[in-house]
Each structure stands twice: as C-alpha cells, then as structure tokens.
Amino acid sequence: MFGRLFRRFLCCITLRRLLTLRRMKRMSSLLILLVSCVHYTHYTPDPERDIELWLNTFGQQQSFSYHYRVQTKSVYSEARGNCVIGRGEHVKGDWHYADTKLAFEYVGLGDIEYMKQDGTWKETPRGEESDILAQIKRLLQFDKFEYKGLLDGYVYQFKANIPFLAPDRWKELMGVIQISPRHYLPEFIWAGLPDSSVYWEARLFNYNKVKRIGAPIRNWNTYLVSVDTMHDTHGLRSAIKRRLDLAGADYRTKKTDEGIMLTLPKEYSSEDVETMLAPGLVNVYSLTDNKHDATRVGYLGDDITRPLFLKTKLFDENDIKSVSIKFDGVSRPYMLISLHRKFRFPAEIAFEVNRVFVGTAALDIHDKVDKIKLYLDMSYYEMSIIAACVAQQLPPLTIKKTMTEKN
C-alpha cells in the first residue's frame, strides 16, 4: 500500500530520479570519534533507531540553505533562503494567487523580523515567515517515524502536523522525510494530502557553510563596558574584540575615559551582550555515581532533575591552551579542548563554565591526554558563545546600555 502511495508522491513532486537504489550498499559503516573520547570506533547507522538522534543533530547545525514550495487550494508559493540557526534567516520568493504574482522577502534576526513591502522594509516581531526551522519542528513534533527503506537516503513516513494546508481534511495529512546517508541530516521533507492537491515541501542543502545575515534596517544599541578598578584595564578593548570575533558578533568599539563604548545591532538583547561578555571561568570536576562519595552536587544546565555528583576539581581555565568547534562523522558539533599538558583523567568529568554546568565527557582512563572532546546539547551558535568565553578570558565587567541609534 505504501509503495504505491510513495511512488505517487514521487511522481507528483518530481523526485523519481532522485530516489534510486544506487546507495543501497553505501555507508554501511562510518568512522567517527567516540563521544568525548580519544580513540576511534565504527558507527553503523541503525535507521530504525537513530532517526531521533539525527533530527536532534539537525537542530545543532551552524547553518543551511533551503528551497521550499507550498501549495494550498488557492495559493502557490516558492522561495529560497539561508538559515543561520539561532541567529538569523533571509528568505525571498513569490506568492501566486490565480493570475497574480506577488514577490516577498523577509529577514529574521533574533526576535525581530523585517518584511519588504512596496520597496520599503518594515520591522515587526518575528514570525514563522522568516523561521524555517520553527516550521520544520512544528511539522515533525507529534508523531513517530516509520522507516520505509533506503532509497538514495533513509526514508520515513510520519503523520504531519500542518493543519493549515487542509483544515477540513487535516487528519489525512501525512509526511515523508529523507535523511542523507552521507551526513545524516534531512535533505528533503514533504507533507500534504495523499493526492498531492495541497502540500508543503523543502529541500535542505549546503549545511554549515559560512553565512552572514544582516538587518536591512541598521539600528544599533550602545553599551558602556567598564571594569572594577581592582582589575588591570590594559588590553581590555583588544580582549573584548577577540571575544566578540570568536562569537561571530557584529560590533563597533571605542575607548573612552569612562570605559569601552560597545555598539551592536539591535537584534542582540542586553542579555545576549551579558552572555557574550561573561568572564569565562572554567572548573572541571571528576564525577562519581555514588552521591555519598561526592564533595558537591551540581546540576546539568541548572536543571534540578539532572544532578551531578562532583568529587574532585581537576583543572580550570588556566590549564586550557585552546578551544575550537568541530563536527564528527554524524554531523554532531563538539568542542575540542586542548590543554597545556597531559592529564590522566577519571572515566567521566563535568565542565562548569561561568557557574553553570554545561556538559559532561566520558574519557579513556588508560592514557594521559591533552585533548578533550565535549559534546553539548545545544546549537552550534550557543556552543560558539561558550567556546569564545573559554578561549578568551575577561575580568568581571559592568555593562550599561546608554543609547539606541539608527543609520
């Protein structure tokens, strides 16, 4: 039954030549690094089990491009866009109403959306028009994924959560998602009625290419950044600039008698600024399974349902030589932390950054190591902020918003 229905889908959405059997024997195993480990193992994908892992990894990427199409009973839309996950998106396309064609363009940054209307940009609170990731998450959130086989990718069927396509037939809506056997990320998503009279589809590609998305209306907030007189201010401006460069921020700085005047685009909130300029204090502890052996209890992500039983402090930010973000063979981002010297570590350790436990790492206990892989349950952008804090230390700063300006 599904075979006939799926072939019907492919005919309707012109994917017949895409879904072939060329890769039936491809990617039977993939060499990847163990989570936070220093030796190698083989990863053999299990499509019946790993779909949840792959979809979670999708939300952790740095960026992707997309091409989507939407067909309802009265409207057809087609657009292309770029998404930098956690920061911004730029999408441009056309709406087709009967014999009328209407161009549209949106830029979404943080909580702000810019819509181009009659040649003029208008600022509004951000909606899903400029948030393809929110659309995809809503589409996929309510159902299990039924594996249908390897057809130039791992193909799954699911019950689509996209009722606006067919309000009177929403119970009939279904979806298909295809996961790439090369990087284990979605490359095609389709949802609609079985007869394809209405549908929503997206092709995803160009993952993790460097993309910068700026606001078409340049509004800026200026902050006065100062430091306690007990701390040395020599080199402070250079340190702040390096921190913001590592975080990928757009900014301007000016040194004054009062401190550093820091100007950033409006889409960065005051909370964003404080997070980006946090000191970067790091403490790393050994973990124990027995709370009675612990000298302290912490909580992963400040979540009281995820206790960590801490035993001994192992090192701090002064022992860290460098930090970078890499991707493993299944496209998961991780922080690669290099130390000034080799340590012999216990089996599991916990990382505390700016008084928040951000993650744990399982290690090889047989050899001394000077590199640690730390996987964090967050997006690439969030991880880049933590990496920037660890890589460039700052003293405790006082940050005060002073003015807003327009270009």
Protein backbone atom coordinates (compact mmCIF):
# COMPACT_ATOMS: atom_id res chain seq x y z
CA MET A 1 0.00 0.00 0.00
CA PHE A 2 2.74 2.49 0.99
CA GLY A 3 4.82 1.56 -2.07
CA ARG A 4 2.04 2.62 -4.42
CA LEU A 5 1.34 5.75 -2.39
CA PHE A 6 5.00 6.73 -2.18
CA ARG A 7 5.53 6.29 -5.93
CA ARG A 8 2.54 8.54 -6.40
CA PHE A 9 4.23 11.15 -4.21
CA LEU A 10 7.40 10.93 -6.23
CA CYS A 11 5.53 11.44 -9.46
CA CYS A 12 3.79 14.49 -8.07
CA ILE A 13 6.87 16.13 -6.57
CA THR A 14 9.33 15.19 -9.33
CA LEU A 15 11.63 13.12 -7.17
CA ARG A 16 11.56 9.89 -9.17
CA ARG A 17 15.07 10.31 -10.50
CA LEU A 18 16.33 11.38 -7.05
CA LEU A 19 15.17 8.29 -5.18
CA THR A 20 17.06 5.37 -6.74
CA LEU A 21 18.79 2.31 -5.40
CA ARG A 22 22.31 3.48 -6.15
CA ARG A 23 23.30 3.71 -2.50
CA MET A 24 21.77 0.51 -1.15
CA LYS A 25 25.19 -0.78 -0.19
CA ARG A 26 26.76 2.57 0.58
CA MET A 27 27.66 3.85 4.04
CA SER A 28 27.33 0.51 5.83
CA SER A 29 29.74 1.87 8.40
CA LEU A 30 31.37 5.21 9.14
CA LEU A 31 34.47 6.04 11.12
CA ILE A 32 33.70 8.55 13.85
CA LEU A 33 35.16 9.60 17.15
CA LEU A 34 33.57 8.29 20.31
CA VAL A 35 31.73 10.91 22.34
CA SER A 36 34.41 12.85 24.20
CA CYS A 37 36.92 10.02 23.72
CA VAL A 38 40.38 9.92 22.24
CA HIS A 39 40.16 6.64 20.37
CA TYR A 40 38.10 5.54 17.37
CA THR A 41 35.20 3.22 16.81
CA HIS A 42 32.94 2.29 13.93
CA TYR A 43 29.48 3.76 13.65
CA THR A 44 26.96 1.57 11.90
CA PRO A 45 23.74 3.52 11.31
CA ASP A 46 20.57 1.90 12.57
CA PRO A 47 17.74 3.72 10.73
CA GLU A 48 15.09 2.03 12.89
CA ARG A 49 16.63 3.55 15.99
CA ASP A 50 18.75 6.56 15.02
CA ILE A 51 16.16 8.88 13.46
CA GLU A 52 15.62 10.75 16.75
CA LEU A 53 19.38 11.28 17.09
CA TRP A 54 19.64 12.57 13.52
CA LEU A 55 16.75 15.01 13.95
CA ASN A 56 18.20 16.33 17.21
CA THR A 57 21.55 16.79 15.46
CA PHE A 58 19.79 18.76 12.71
CA GLY A 59 18.88 21.48 15.22
CA GLN A 60 22.52 21.69 16.34
CA GLN A 61 23.95 22.70 12.96
CA GLN A 62 25.50 26.06 12.18
CA SER A 63 23.57 26.85 9.00
CA PHE A 64 21.86 25.51 5.89
CA SER A 65 20.21 26.67 2.68
CA TYR A 66 16.76 25.66 1.54
CA HIS A 67 14.27 25.74 -1.30
CA TYR A 68 10.63 25.32 -0.33
CA ARG A 69 7.28 25.15 -2.09
CA VAL A 70 3.77 25.38 -0.66
CA GLN A 71 0.52 24.58 -2.47
CA THR A 72 -2.88 25.21 -0.90
CA LYS A 73 -6.28 25.23 -2.58
CA SER A 74 -5.93 28.88 -3.56
CA VAL A 75 -2.25 29.85 -3.28
CA TYR A 76 1.09 28.58 -4.50
CA SER A 77 4.38 29.84 -3.06
CA GLU A 78 8.02 29.15 -3.87
CA ALA A 79 11.09 30.58 -2.11
CA ARG A 80 14.77 30.12 -1.37
CA GLY A 81 16.56 31.07 1.78
CA ASN A 82 19.54 30.80 4.08
CA CYS A 83 19.26 29.99 7.78
CA VAL A 84 21.90 30.57 10.46
CA ILE A 85 20.47 28.55 13.32
CA GLY A 86 19.97 30.58 16.47
CA ARG A 87 20.75 33.91 14.79
CA GLY A 88 19.02 34.77 11.55
CA GLU A 89 17.43 33.94 8.25
CA HIS A 90 16.93 35.53 4.85
CA VAL A 91 14.21 34.23 2.53
CA LYS A 92 12.98 35.52 -0.81
CA GLY A 93 10.28 34.22 -3.12
CA ASP A 94 6.86 34.68 -4.72
CA TRP A 95 3.21 34.12 -3.92
CA HIS A 96 0.91 33.14 -6.81
CA TYR A 97 -2.79 33.98 -6.45
CA ALA A 98 -4.78 32.96 -9.54
CA ASP A 99 -3.26 35.23 -12.23
CA THR A 100 -1.40 37.43 -9.73
CA LYS A 101 2.25 37.05 -8.77
CA LEU A 102 3.46 38.83 -5.64
CA ALA A 103 7.15 38.92 -4.61
CA PHE A 104 8.09 38.77 -0.93
CA GLU A 105 11.28 39.00 1.10
CA TYR A 106 11.89 38.52 4.82
CA VAL A 107 14.89 38.83 7.11
CA GLY A 108 14.61 37.40 10.61
CA LEU A 109 17.20 38.23 13.27
CA GLY A 110 16.75 37.24 16.90
CA ASP A 111 13.18 38.20 17.82
CA ILE A 112 12.89 40.78 15.03
CA GLU A 113 11.51 40.32 11.52
CA TYR A 114 11.95 42.67 8.58
CA MET A 115 9.45 42.45 5.73
CA LYS A 116 9.94 44.19 2.40
CA GLN A 117 6.73 45.85 1.30
CA ASP A 118 6.43 48.16 -1.74
CA GLY A 119 10.20 48.56 -1.78
CA THR A 120 10.36 49.56 1.90
CA TRP A 121 11.45 47.44 4.85
CA LYS A 122 9.06 47.19 7.79
CA GLU A 123 10.07 45.92 11.24
CA THR A 124 7.75 43.57 13.17
CA PRO A 125 8.07 40.85 15.85
CA ARG A 126 9.50 37.73 14.27
CA GLY A 127 7.08 35.14 12.90
CA GLU A 128 7.41 31.81 11.08
CA GLU A 129 7.67 33.55 7.70
CA SER A 130 11.37 34.03 8.46
CA ASP A 131 11.88 30.94 10.61
CA ILE A 132 12.04 27.75 8.53
CA LEU A 133 13.41 25.78 11.48
CA ALA A 134 10.32 26.59 13.56
CA GLN A 135 8.13 25.42 10.68
CA ILE A 136 10.03 22.15 10.40
CA LYS A 137 9.97 21.49 14.15
CA ARG A 138 6.23 22.08 14.29
CA LEU A 139 5.71 19.85 11.27
CA LEU A 140 7.61 16.95 12.84
CA GLN A 141 6.77 17.25 16.51
CA PHE A 142 3.76 15.00 17.09
CA ASP A 143 4.45 11.65 15.50
CA LYS A 144 6.73 8.64 15.36
CA PHE A 145 8.70 7.98 12.21
CA GLU A 146 8.08 4.77 10.31
CA TYR A 147 11.15 3.64 8.41
CA LYS A 148 10.36 2.72 4.79
CA GLY A 149 13.76 1.83 3.41
CA LEU A 150 16.90 3.16 1.77
CA LEU A 151 16.00 4.99 -1.44
CA ASP A 152 19.00 7.22 -2.10
CA GLY A 153 18.55 8.17 1.54
CA TYR A 154 16.81 6.86 4.67
CA VAL A 155 13.10 7.44 4.01
CA TYR A 156 10.47 7.75 6.76
CA GLN A 157 6.75 8.27 6.78
CA PHE A 158 5.08 10.28 9.56
CA LYS A 159 1.79 11.94 10.46
CA ALA A 160 2.27 15.60 9.53
CA ASN A 161 1.31 18.40 11.91
CA ILE A 162 0.46 21.11 9.39
CA PRO A 163 -3.34 21.56 9.57
CA PHE A 164 -3.48 24.94 7.77
CA LEU A 165 -2.86 23.12 4.48
CA ALA A 166 -6.23 21.38 4.61
CA PRO A 167 -8.33 22.48 7.64
CA ASP A 168 -11.22 20.21 6.63
CA ARG A 169 -9.01 17.16 5.93
CA TRP A 170 -6.16 17.62 8.40
CA LYS A 171 -6.48 14.04 9.71
CA GLU A 172 -5.48 12.77 6.25
CA LEU A 173 -2.26 14.77 6.11
CA MET A 174 0.92 12.72 6.02
CA GLY A 175 4.60 13.36 5.55
CA VAL A 176 7.82 11.92 4.17
CA ILE A 177 11.33 12.82 5.30
CA GLN A 178 14.59 11.72 3.68
CA ILE A 179 17.85 11.63 5.66
CA SER A 180 21.15 11.77 3.82
CA PRO A 181 23.31 8.63 4.23
CA ARG A 182 26.36 10.86 3.83
CA HIS A 183 25.93 13.37 6.67
CA TYR A 184 22.78 12.02 8.44
CA LEU A 185 20.85 15.28 8.12
CA PRO A 186 17.48 15.95 6.43
CA GLU A 187 17.76 16.70 2.73
CA PHE A 188 14.08 16.56 1.79
CA ILE A 189 10.79 16.94 3.71
CA TRP A 190 7.32 16.66 2.20
CA ALA A 191 3.90 16.93 3.87
CA GLY A 192 0.42 17.04 2.37
CA LEU A 193 -2.65 15.11 1.30
CA PRO A 194 -2.19 11.70 -0.35
CA ASP A 195 -3.42 13.08 -3.70
CA SER A 196 -0.84 15.94 -3.52
CA SER A 197 -3.58 18.53 -4.06
CA VAL A 198 -2.03 20.51 -1.19
CA TYR A 199 1.49 20.14 0.14
CA TRP A 200 4.48 21.73 1.85
CA GLU A 201 7.98 20.66 0.83
CA ALA A 202 11.55 21.72 1.50
CA ARG A 203 14.92 20.69 0.12
CA LEU A 204 17.80 21.33 2.54
CA PHE A 205 21.42 21.64 1.42
CA ASN A 206 24.76 23.48 1.91
CA TYR A 207 24.96 22.64 5.59
CA ASN A 208 27.41 24.63 7.72
CA LYS A 209 28.65 27.00 5.05
CA VAL A 210 29.74 30.35 6.46
CA LYS A 211 26.79 32.72 6.07
CA ARG A 212 26.25 36.23 7.41
CA ILE A 213 22.78 37.72 7.55
CA GLY A 214 22.44 41.40 8.37
CA ALA A 215 19.45 43.60 9.06
CA PRO A 216 18.21 45.75 6.14
CA ILE A 217 17.46 48.47 8.71
CA ARG A 218 20.56 49.14 10.80
CA ASN A 219 19.54 50.04 14.33
CA TRP A 220 22.24 49.93 16.98
CA ASN A 221 22.39 49.78 20.76
CA THR A 222 25.39 51.22 22.59
CA TYR A 223 26.67 49.93 25.93
CA LEU A 224 29.24 51.32 28.32
CA VAL A 225 31.51 48.47 29.37
CA SER A 226 33.66 49.11 32.42
CA VAL A 227 35.78 47.10 34.81
CA ASP A 228 36.40 47.33 38.54
CA THR A 229 39.41 49.49 39.36
CA MET A 230 41.00 46.47 41.08
CA HIS A 231 41.47 44.84 37.68
CA ASP A 232 44.08 45.82 35.10
CA THR A 233 42.40 47.54 32.15
CA HIS A 234 45.42 47.20 29.87
CA GLY A 235 44.44 45.28 26.75
CA LEU A 236 40.76 45.16 27.74
CA ARG A 237 39.48 46.53 24.45
CA SER A 238 41.55 44.01 22.47
CA ALA A 239 40.28 41.17 24.67
CA ILE A 240 36.65 42.25 24.19
CA LYS A 241 37.14 42.46 20.43
CA ARG A 242 38.69 38.99 20.29
CA ARG A 243 35.84 37.56 22.40
CA LEU A 244 33.21 39.06 20.08
CA ASP A 245 35.11 37.96 16.97
CA LEU A 246 35.17 34.39 18.27
CA ALA A 247 31.43 34.62 18.96
CA GLY A 248 30.81 35.86 15.39
CA ALA A 249 29.22 39.12 16.53
CA ASP A 250 28.86 42.32 14.51
CA TYR A 251 30.06 45.22 16.64
CA ARG A 252 31.96 48.52 16.98
CA THR A 253 34.12 49.64 19.90
CA LYS A 254 35.57 52.92 21.10
CA LYS A 255 37.77 53.55 24.11
CA THR A 256 36.75 56.49 26.34
CA ASP A 257 37.73 57.81 29.76
CA GLU A 258 34.69 56.06 31.24
CA GLY A 259 35.37 52.68 29.67
CA ILE A 260 34.72 50.89 26.39
CA MET A 261 31.77 52.07 24.29
CA LEU A 262 30.42 48.94 22.62
CA THR A 263 27.85 49.19 19.82
CA LEU A 264 25.96 46.17 18.49
CA PRO A 265 22.95 45.66 16.19
CA LYS A 266 19.54 45.92 17.82
CA GLU A 267 18.80 42.21 17.47
CA TYR A 268 21.32 41.49 20.24
CA SER A 269 19.44 41.86 23.52
CA SER A 270 21.06 43.12 26.71
CA GLU A 271 21.02 39.52 27.95
CA ASP A 272 22.86 38.44 24.77
CA VAL A 273 25.54 41.06 25.43
CA GLU A 274 26.00 39.99 29.05
CA THR A 275 26.29 36.34 27.98
CA MET A 276 28.85 37.12 25.28
CA LEU A 277 30.95 39.17 27.72
CA ALA A 278 30.78 36.84 30.74
CA PRO A 279 34.19 36.21 32.35
CA GLY A 280 34.81 32.67 31.06
CA LEU A 281 35.51 30.95 34.38
CA VAL A 282 36.01 27.20 33.90
CA ASN A 283 36.08 24.46 36.52
CA VAL A 284 36.32 20.79 35.62
CA TYR A 285 35.44 18.06 38.13
CA SER A 286 35.58 14.30 38.34
CA LEU A 287 32.20 12.59 38.71
CA THR A 288 31.04 9.71 40.86
CA ASP A 289 27.87 7.62 40.66
CA ASN A 290 27.59 7.50 44.44
CA LYS A 291 26.27 10.70 45.97
CA HIS A 292 27.80 9.71 49.31
CA ASP A 293 31.28 9.94 47.73
CA ALA A 294 30.57 13.39 46.31
CA THR A 295 32.03 16.55 47.81
CA ARG A 296 29.49 18.71 45.99
CA VAL A 297 26.29 18.35 43.97
CA GLY A 298 25.80 20.34 40.76
CA TYR A 299 23.02 20.33 38.17
CA LEU A 300 23.47 19.99 34.43
CA GLY A 301 22.17 23.15 32.80
CA ASP A 302 20.89 24.27 36.24
CA ASP A 303 18.18 21.59 35.88
CA ILE A 304 17.44 20.10 39.33
CA THR A 305 16.26 16.86 37.69
CA ARG A 306 19.80 16.27 36.31
CA PRO A 307 22.10 16.12 39.35
CA LEU A 308 25.88 15.71 39.03
CA PHE A 309 27.81 14.18 41.92
CA LEU A 310 31.13 16.01 41.91
CA LYS A 311 34.22 14.59 43.54
CA THR A 312 37.48 16.40 42.81
CA LYS A 313 38.37 19.57 40.93
CA LEU A 314 40.77 18.60 38.12
CA PHE A 315 41.64 21.84 36.33
CA ASP A 316 40.40 25.32 35.43
CA GLU A 317 40.64 27.90 32.64
CA ASN A 318 44.37 28.43 33.25
CA ASP A 319 45.08 24.87 32.08
CA ILE A 320 43.32 25.36 28.73
CA LYS A 321 45.50 26.09 25.72
CA SER A 322 42.85 26.47 23.01
CA VAL A 323 39.28 25.56 22.11
CA SER A 324 37.54 25.07 18.77
CA ILE A 325 34.32 23.60 17.39
CA LYS A 326 34.40 20.58 15.10
CA PHE A 327 31.87 18.18 13.55
CA ASP A 328 32.10 14.41 13.84
CA GLY A 329 31.17 11.82 11.22
CA VAL A 330 27.46 12.01 12.04
CA SER A 331 27.43 15.83 11.89
CA ARG A 332 27.32 16.40 15.64
CA PRO A 333 29.21 19.53 16.72
CA TYR A 334 31.58 19.28 19.65
CA MET A 335 34.12 21.45 21.44
CA LEU A 336 37.71 20.30 21.07
CA ILE A 337 39.58 21.48 24.16
CA SER A 338 43.39 21.40 24.12
CA LEU A 339 45.31 21.56 27.39
CA HIS A 340 48.78 22.88 28.16
CA ARG A 341 49.88 19.46 29.44
CA LYS A 342 48.69 15.88 29.55
CA PHE A 343 46.48 14.63 32.37
CA ARG A 344 45.31 11.20 33.44
CA PHE A 345 41.57 11.57 33.85
CA PRO A 346 38.83 9.56 35.53
CA ALA A 347 36.15 7.91 33.41
CA GLU A 348 33.77 10.89 33.47
CA ILE A 349 34.20 14.59 34.07
CA ALA A 350 31.90 17.62 34.26
CA PHE A 351 32.51 21.12 32.83
CA GLU A 352 31.35 24.22 34.67
CA VAL A 353 31.51 27.48 32.69
CA ASN A 354 30.55 30.74 34.39
CA ARG A 355 28.99 28.80 37.27
CA VAL A 356 26.74 26.68 35.02
CA PHE A 357 27.42 23.00 34.35
CA VAL A 358 27.22 22.85 30.56
CA GLY A 359 28.16 19.22 29.85
CA THR A 360 29.95 16.03 30.78
CA ALA A 361 32.56 13.98 28.94
CA ALA A 362 33.45 10.27 29.04
CA LEU A 363 37.18 9.69 28.70
CA ASP A 364 39.76 7.00 28.09
CA ILE A 365 41.21 6.22 31.52
CA HIS A 366 44.22 4.24 30.23
CA ASP A 367 46.36 7.06 28.84
CA LYS A 368 47.23 10.61 29.66
CA VAL A 369 45.58 13.03 27.25
CA ASP A 370 45.84 16.72 26.42
CA LYS A 371 42.71 16.94 24.24
CA ILE A 372 39.09 16.52 25.29
CA LYS A 373 36.01 16.33 23.11
CA LEU A 374 32.98 17.88 24.78
CA TYR A 375 29.53 17.30 23.28
CA LEU A 376 26.87 19.76 24.41
CA ASP A 377 23.11 19.52 23.96
CA MET A 378 22.80 22.90 22.25
CA SER A 379 23.03 24.56 18.84
CA TYR A 380 26.29 25.46 17.15
CA TYR A 381 25.66 29.14 17.86
CA GLU A 382 25.13 28.58 21.59
CA MET A 383 28.23 26.39 21.65
CA SER A 384 30.25 29.11 19.90
CA ILE A 385 29.42 31.56 22.72
CA ILE A 386 30.73 29.10 25.32
CA ALA A 387 33.82 28.37 23.22
CA ALA A 388 34.51 32.10 22.92
CA CYS A 389 34.21 32.54 26.70
CA VAL A 390 36.65 29.70 27.31
CA ALA A 391 39.13 30.81 24.63
CA GLN A 392 39.31 34.48 25.68
CA GLN A 393 39.15 35.29 29.36
CA LEU A 394 37.68 38.60 30.57
CA PRO A 395 37.51 40.19 34.00
CA PRO A 396 34.07 40.74 35.56
CA LEU A 397 32.52 43.61 33.61
CA THR A 398 29.81 46.17 34.30
CA ILE A 399 27.62 46.59 31.20
CA LYS A 400 25.19 49.50 30.96
CA LYS A 401 23.01 50.32 27.97
CA THR A 402 23.38 54.01 27.09
CA MET A 403 21.62 54.73 23.81
CA THR A 404 19.95 53.47 20.63
CA GLU A 405 20.82 54.90 17.22
CA LYS A 406 19.76 54.47 13.60
CA ASN A 407 21.80 54.58 10.43
